[in-house]
Amino acid sequence: MRIARPLAVFGLLALGLAACKDEKKDAPPPPPPPPATTAPTQPSAPPATAPTPPPANKPAGQ
């Protein structure tokens, strides 16, 4: 009885793996990827410009 139970578990596991392998074989092939374009794409963000200097500090009260 010690060997019968693990043997049954491994047998069912092997059957499950074999069924999964068969399903993948029956599935249609995935669609081909879209062709790559040669034109460069525009970046989503505009190019960074030089940072503007902060305004000069004014004395308090003026």
PDB file of N, CA and C in Angstrom:
ATOM      1  N   MET A   1       0.831  -1.202   0.000  1.00  0.00           N
ATOM      2  CA  MET A   1       0.000   0.000   0.000  1.00  0.00           C
ATOM      3  C   MET A   1       0.868   1.255   0.000  1.00  0.00           C
ATOM      4  N   ARG A   2       2.103   1.119   0.497  1.00  0.00           N
ATOM      5  CA  ARG A   2       2.978   2.295   0.537  1.00  0.00           C
ATOM      6  C   ARG A   2       3.322   2.768  -0.864  1.00  0.00           C
ATOM      7  N   ILE A   3       3.459   1.856  -1.803  1.00  0.00           N
ATOM      8  CA  ILE A   3       3.869   2.222  -3.159  1.00  0.00           C
ATOM      9  C   ILE A   3       2.659   2.535  -4.027  1.00  0.00           C
ATOM     10  N   ALA A   4       1.526   1.955  -3.748  1.00  0.00           N
ATOM     11  CA  ALA A   4       0.350   2.105  -4.613  1.00  0.00           C
ATOM     12  C   ALA A   4      -0.136   3.552  -4.654  1.00  0.00           C
ATOM     13  N   ARG A   5      -0.193   4.214  -3.513  1.00  0.00           N
ATOM     14  CA  ARG A   5      -0.728   5.576  -3.501  1.00  0.00           C
ATOM     15  C   ARG A   5       0.182   6.553  -4.252  1.00  0.00           C
ATOM     16  N   PRO A   6       1.490   6.621  -3.975  1.00  0.00           N
ATOM     17  CA  PRO A   6       2.345   7.538  -4.756  1.00  0.00           C
ATOM     18  C   PRO A   6       2.363   7.179  -6.236  1.00  0.00           C
ATOM     19  N   LEU A   7       2.281   5.890  -6.547  1.00  0.00           N
ATOM     20  CA  LEU A   7       2.266   5.479  -7.949  1.00  0.00           C
ATOM     21  C   LEU A   7       1.022   6.013  -8.648  1.00  0.00           C
ATOM     22  N   ALA A   8      -0.120   5.970  -7.972  1.00  0.00           N
ATOM     23  CA  ALA A   8      -1.359   6.491  -8.552  1.00  0.00           C
ATOM     24  C   ALA A   8      -1.263   8.002  -8.744  1.00  0.00           C
ATOM     25  N   VAL A   9      -0.679   8.688  -7.777  1.00  0.00           N
ATOM     26  CA  VAL A   9      -0.545  10.149  -7.873  1.00  0.00           C
ATOM     27  C   VAL A   9       0.348  10.516  -9.050  1.00  0.00           C
ATOM     28  N   PHE A  10       1.480   9.835  -9.173  1.00  0.00           N
ATOM     29  CA  PHE A  10       2.387  10.151 -10.282  1.00  0.00           C
ATOM     30  C   PHE A  10       1.782   9.763 -11.628  1.00  0.00           C
ATOM     31  N   GLY A  11       0.997   8.702 -11.648  1.00  0.00           N
ATOM     32  CA  GLY A  11       0.337   8.307 -12.886  1.00  0.00           C
ATOM     33  C   GLY A  11      -0.659   9.355 -13.347  1.00  0.00           C
ATOM     34  N   LEU A  12      -1.462   9.864 -12.412  1.00  0.00           N
ATOM     35  CA  LEU A  12      -2.422  10.915 -12.763  1.00  0.00           C
ATOM     36  C   LEU A  12      -1.701  12.188 -13.182  1.00  0.00           C
ATOM     37  N   LEU A  13      -0.611  12.488 -12.517  1.00  0.00           N
ATOM     38  CA  LEU A  13       0.165  13.671 -12.879  1.00  0.00           C
ATOM     39  C   LEU A  13       0.721  13.535 -14.293  1.00  0.00           C
ATOM     40  N   ALA A  14       1.216  12.365 -14.629  1.00  0.00           N
ATOM     41  CA  ALA A  14       1.750  12.136 -15.974  1.00  0.00           C
ATOM     42  C   ALA A  14       0.647  12.257 -17.018  1.00  0.00           C
ATOM     43  N   LEU A  15      -0.538  11.742 -16.714  1.00  0.00           N
ATOM     44  CA  LEU A  15      -1.656  11.867 -17.656  1.00  0.00           C
ATOM     45  C   LEU A  15      -2.035  13.331 -17.856  1.00  0.00           C
ATOM     46  N   GLY A  16      -2.039  14.099 -16.781  1.00  0.00           N
ATOM     47  CA  GLY A  16      -2.373  15.521 -16.891  1.00  0.00           C
ATOM     48  C   GLY A  16      -1.361  16.267 -17.730  1.00  0.00           C
ATOM     49  N   LEU A  17      -0.081  15.976 -17.538  1.00  0.00           N
ATOM     50  CA  LEU A  17       0.949  16.643 -18.333  1.00  0.00           C
ATOM     51  C   LEU A  17       0.854  16.247 -19.800  1.00  0.00           C
ATOM     52  N   ALA A  18       0.546  14.990 -20.061  1.00  0.00           N
ATOM     53  CA  ALA A  18       0.411  14.540 -21.449  1.00  0.00           C
ATOM     54  C   ALA A  18      -0.778  15.234 -22.109  1.00  0.00           C
ATOM     55  N   ALA A  19      -1.862  15.425 -21.368  1.00  0.00           N
ATOM     56  CA  ALA A  19      -3.038  16.094 -21.928  1.00  0.00           C
ATOM     57  C   ALA A  19      -2.715  17.549 -22.239  1.00  0.00           C
ATOM     58  N   CYS A  20      -1.959  18.198 -21.373  1.00  0.00           N
ATOM     59  CA  CYS A  20      -1.589  19.601 -21.626  1.00  0.00           C
ATOM     60  C   CYS A  20      -0.720  19.701 -22.873  1.00  0.00           C
ATOM     61  N   LYS A  21       0.185  18.763 -23.045  1.00  0.00           N
ATOM     62  CA  LYS A  21       1.068  18.792 -24.207  1.00  0.00           C
ATOM     63  C   LYS A  21       0.255  18.615 -25.487  1.00  0.00           C
ATOM     64  N   ASP A  22      -0.749  17.731 -25.464  1.00  0.00           N
ATOM     65  CA  ASP A  22      -1.592  17.514 -26.635  1.00  0.00           C
ATOM     66  C   ASP A  22      -2.411  18.756 -26.960  1.00  0.00           C
ATOM     67  N   GLU A  23      -2.902  19.457 -25.941  1.00  0.00           N
ATOM     68  CA  GLU A  23      -3.701  20.662 -26.187  1.00  0.00           C
ATOM     69  C   GLU A  23      -2.858  21.734 -26.861  1.00  0.00           C
ATOM     70  N   LYS A  24      -1.623  21.876 -26.455  1.00  0.00           N
ATOM     71  CA  LYS A  24      -0.760  22.881 -27.074  1.00  0.00           C
ATOM     72  C   LYS A  24      -0.496  22.535 -28.532  1.00  0.00           C
ATOM     73  N   LYS A  25      -0.403  21.245 -28.839  1.00  0.00           N
ATOM     74  CA  LYS A  25      -0.152  20.819 -30.203  1.00  0.00           C
ATOM     75  C   LYS A  25      -1.358  21.128 -31.090  1.00  0.00           C
ATOM     76  N   ASP A  26      -2.573  20.992 -30.535  1.00  0.00           N
ATOM     77  CA  ASP A  26      -3.789  21.228 -31.307  1.00  0.00           C
ATOM     78  C   ASP A  26      -4.086  22.708 -31.489  1.00  0.00           C
ATOM     79  N   ALA A  27      -3.537  23.563 -30.668  1.00  0.00           N
ATOM     80  CA  ALA A  27      -3.835  24.997 -30.734  1.00  0.00           C
ATOM     81  C   ALA A  27      -3.268  25.583 -32.023  1.00  0.00           C
ATOM     82  N   PRO A  28      -3.967  26.554 -32.611  1.00  0.00           N
ATOM     83  CA  PRO A  28      -3.446  27.185 -33.831  1.00  0.00           C
ATOM     84  C   PRO A  28      -2.198  28.002 -33.509  1.00  0.00           C
ATOM     85  N   PRO A  29      -1.311  28.182 -34.467  1.00  0.00           N
ATOM     86  CA  PRO A  29      -0.097  28.960 -34.205  1.00  0.00           C
ATOM     87  C   PRO A  29      -0.449  30.418 -33.946  1.00  0.00           C
ATOM     88  N   PRO A  30       0.330  31.107 -33.141  1.00  0.00           N
ATOM     89  CA  PRO A  30       0.043  32.517 -32.862  1.00  0.00           C
ATOM     90  C   PRO A  30       0.223  33.354 -34.122  1.00  0.00           C
ATOM     91  N   PRO A  31      -0.490  34.478 -34.215  1.00  0.00           N
ATOM     92  CA  PRO A  31      -0.345  35.324 -35.403  1.00  0.00           C
ATOM     93  C   PRO A  31       1.063  35.910 -35.470  1.00  0.00           C
ATOM     94  N   PRO A  32       1.572  36.162 -36.673  1.00  0.00           N
ATOM     95  CA  PRO A  32       2.925  36.715 -36.784  1.00  0.00           C
ATOM     96  C   PRO A  32       2.961  38.141 -36.241  1.00  0.00           C
ATOM     97  N   PRO A  33       4.109  38.578 -35.733  1.00  0.00           N
ATOM     98  CA  PRO A  33       4.202  39.943 -35.211  1.00  0.00           C
ATOM     99  C   PRO A  33       4.069  40.951 -36.347  1.00  0.00           C
ATOM    100  N   PRO A  34       3.600  42.162 -36.049  1.00  0.00           N
ATOM    101  CA  PRO A  34       3.474  43.171 -37.104  1.00  0.00           C
ATOM    102  C   PRO A  34       4.844  43.534 -37.661  1.00  0.00           C
ATOM    103  N   PRO A  35       4.917  43.860 -38.943  1.00  0.00           N
ATOM    104  CA  PRO A  35       6.221  44.207 -39.524  1.00  0.00           C
ATOM    105  C   PRO A  35       6.765  45.496 -38.909  1.00  0.00           C
ATOM    106  N   ALA A  36       8.066  45.529 -38.748  1.00  0.00           N
ATOM    107  CA  ALA A  36       8.701  46.717 -38.165  1.00  0.00           C
ATOM    108  C   ALA A  36       8.745  47.832 -39.211  1.00  0.00           C
ATOM    109  N   THR A  37       8.446  49.028 -38.781  1.00  0.00           N
ATOM    110  CA  THR A  37       8.504  50.168 -39.698  1.00  0.00           C
ATOM    111  C   THR A  37       9.910  50.750 -39.669  1.00  0.00           C
ATOM    112  N   THR A  38      10.331  51.303 -40.797  1.00  0.00           N
ATOM    113  CA  THR A  38      11.674  51.872 -40.862  1.00  0.00           C
ATOM    114  C   THR A  38      11.677  53.332 -40.441  1.00  0.00           C
ATOM    115  N   ALA A  39      10.515  53.994 -40.475  1.00  0.00           N
ATOM    116  CA  ALA A  39      10.459  55.406 -40.095  1.00  0.00           C
ATOM    117  C   ALA A  39      10.552  55.517 -38.576  1.00  0.00           C
ATOM    118  N   PRO A  40      11.352  56.457 -38.077  1.00  0.00           N
ATOM    119  CA  PRO A  40      11.434  56.620 -36.618  1.00  0.00           C
ATOM    120  C   PRO A  40      10.121  57.186 -36.082  1.00  0.00           C
ATOM    121  N   THR A  41       9.754  56.758 -34.918  1.00  0.00           N
ATOM    122  CA  THR A  41       8.519  57.249 -34.306  1.00  0.00           C
ATOM    123  C   THR A  41       8.816  58.493 -33.482  1.00  0.00           C
ATOM    124  N   GLN A  42       7.829  59.338 -33.366  1.00  0.00           N
ATOM    125  CA  GLN A  42       7.985  60.563 -32.578  1.00  0.00           C
ATOM    126  C   GLN A  42       7.970  60.206 -31.095  1.00  0.00           C
ATOM    127  N   PRO A  43       8.838  60.816 -30.296  1.00  0.00           N
ATOM    128  CA  PRO A  43       8.786  60.554 -28.856  1.00  0.00           C
ATOM    129  C   PRO A  43       7.508  61.137 -28.263  1.00  0.00           C
ATOM    130  N   SER A  44       7.015  60.514 -27.218  1.00  0.00           N
ATOM    131  CA  SER A  44       5.763  60.974 -26.622  1.00  0.00           C
ATOM    132  C   SER A  44       5.949  62.319 -25.919  1.00  0.00           C
ATOM    133  N   ALA A  45       7.135  62.596 -25.411  1.00  0.00           N
ATOM    134  CA  ALA A  45       7.385  63.866 -24.725  1.00  0.00           C
ATOM    135  C   ALA A  45       8.221  64.770 -25.634  1.00  0.00           C
ATOM    136  N   PRO A  46       7.978  66.087 -25.600  1.00  0.00           N
ATOM    137  CA  PRO A  46       8.797  66.985 -26.414  1.00  0.00           C
ATOM    138  C   PRO A  46      10.234  66.996 -25.897  1.00  0.00           C
ATOM    139  N   PRO A  47      11.197  67.341 -26.735  1.00  0.00           N
ATOM    140  CA  PRO A  47      12.582  67.366 -26.258  1.00  0.00           C
ATOM    141  C   PRO A  47      12.759  68.408 -25.151  1.00  0.00           C
ATOM    142  N   ALA A  48      13.622  68.094 -24.233  1.00  0.00           N
ATOM    143  CA  ALA A  48      13.839  68.990 -23.095  1.00  0.00           C
ATOM    144  C   ALA A  48      14.595  70.235 -23.550  1.00  0.00           C
ATOM    145  N   THR A  49      14.141  71.386 -23.084  1.00  0.00           N
ATOM    146  CA  THR A  49      14.818  72.644 -23.390  1.00  0.00           C
ATOM    147  C   THR A  49      15.670  73.047 -22.198  1.00  0.00           C
ATOM    148  N   ALA A  50      16.479  74.065 -22.377  1.00  0.00           N
ATOM    149  CA  ALA A  50      17.323  74.542 -21.281  1.00  0.00           C
ATOM    150  C   ALA A  50      16.426  75.084 -20.170  1.00  0.00           C
ATOM    151  N   PRO A  51      16.736  74.781 -18.923  1.00  0.00           N
ATOM    152  CA  PRO A  51      15.891  75.278 -17.824  1.00  0.00           C
ATOM    153  C   PRO A  51      15.973  76.796 -17.711  1.00  0.00           C
ATOM    154  N   THR A  52      14.846  77.402 -17.398  1.00  0.00           N
ATOM    155  CA  THR A  52      14.825  78.862 -17.242  1.00  0.00           C
ATOM    156  C   THR A  52      15.345  79.216 -15.859  1.00  0.00           C
ATOM    157  N   PRO A  53      16.089  80.306 -15.742  1.00  0.00           N
ATOM    158  CA  PRO A  53      16.611  80.687 -14.424  1.00  0.00           C
ATOM    159  C   PRO A  53      15.461  81.140 -13.518  1.00  0.00           C
ATOM    160  N   PRO A  54      15.555  80.887 -12.232  1.00  0.00           N
ATOM    161  CA  PRO A  54      14.490  81.327 -11.323  1.00  0.00           C
ATOM    162  C   PRO A  54      14.495  82.852 -11.209  1.00  0.00           C
ATOM    163  N   PRO A  55      13.354  83.457 -10.891  1.00  0.00           N
ATOM    164  CA  PRO A  55      13.320  84.918 -10.751  1.00  0.00           C
ATOM    165  C   PRO A  55      14.200  85.363  -9.578  1.00  0.00           C
ATOM    166  N   ALA A  56      14.728  86.570  -9.712  1.00  0.00           N
ATOM    167  CA  ALA A  56      15.591  87.098  -8.648  1.00  0.00           C
ATOM    168  C   ALA A  56      14.757  87.342  -7.394  1.00  0.00           C
ATOM    169  N   ASN A  57      15.366  87.050  -6.256  1.00  0.00           N
ATOM    170  CA  ASN A  57      14.658  87.270  -4.993  1.00  0.00           C
ATOM    171  C   ASN A  57      14.571  88.760  -4.708  1.00  0.00           C
ATOM    172  N   LYS A  58      13.408  89.181  -4.269  1.00  0.00           N
ATOM    173  CA  LYS A  58      13.222  90.591  -3.909  1.00  0.00           C
ATOM    174  C   LYS A  58      13.222  90.687  -2.388  1.00  0.00           C
ATOM    175  N   PRO A  59      13.711  91.776  -1.869  1.00  0.00           N
ATOM    176  CA  PRO A  59      13.665  91.937  -0.410  1.00  0.00           C
ATOM    177  C   PRO A  59      12.214  91.989   0.070  1.00  0.00           C
ATOM    178  N   ALA A  60      11.980  91.535   1.269  1.00  0.00           N
ATOM    179  CA  ALA A  60      10.626  91.499   1.817  1.00  0.00           C
ATOM    180  C   ALA A  60      10.091  92.906   2.013  1.00  0.00           C
ATOM    181  N   GLY A  61       8.811  93.092   1.768  1.00  0.00           N
ATOM    182  CA  GLY A  61       8.176  94.386   1.985  1.00  0.00           C
ATOM    183  C   GLY A  61       8.161  95.258   0.751  1.00  0.00           C
ATOM    184  N   GLN A  62       8.633  94.845  -0.345  1.00  0.00           N
ATOM    185  CA  GLN A  62       8.617  95.712  -1.533  1.00  0.00           C
ATOM    186  C   GLN A  62       7.823  95.094  -2.639  1.00  0.00           C
TER     187      GLN A  62
END
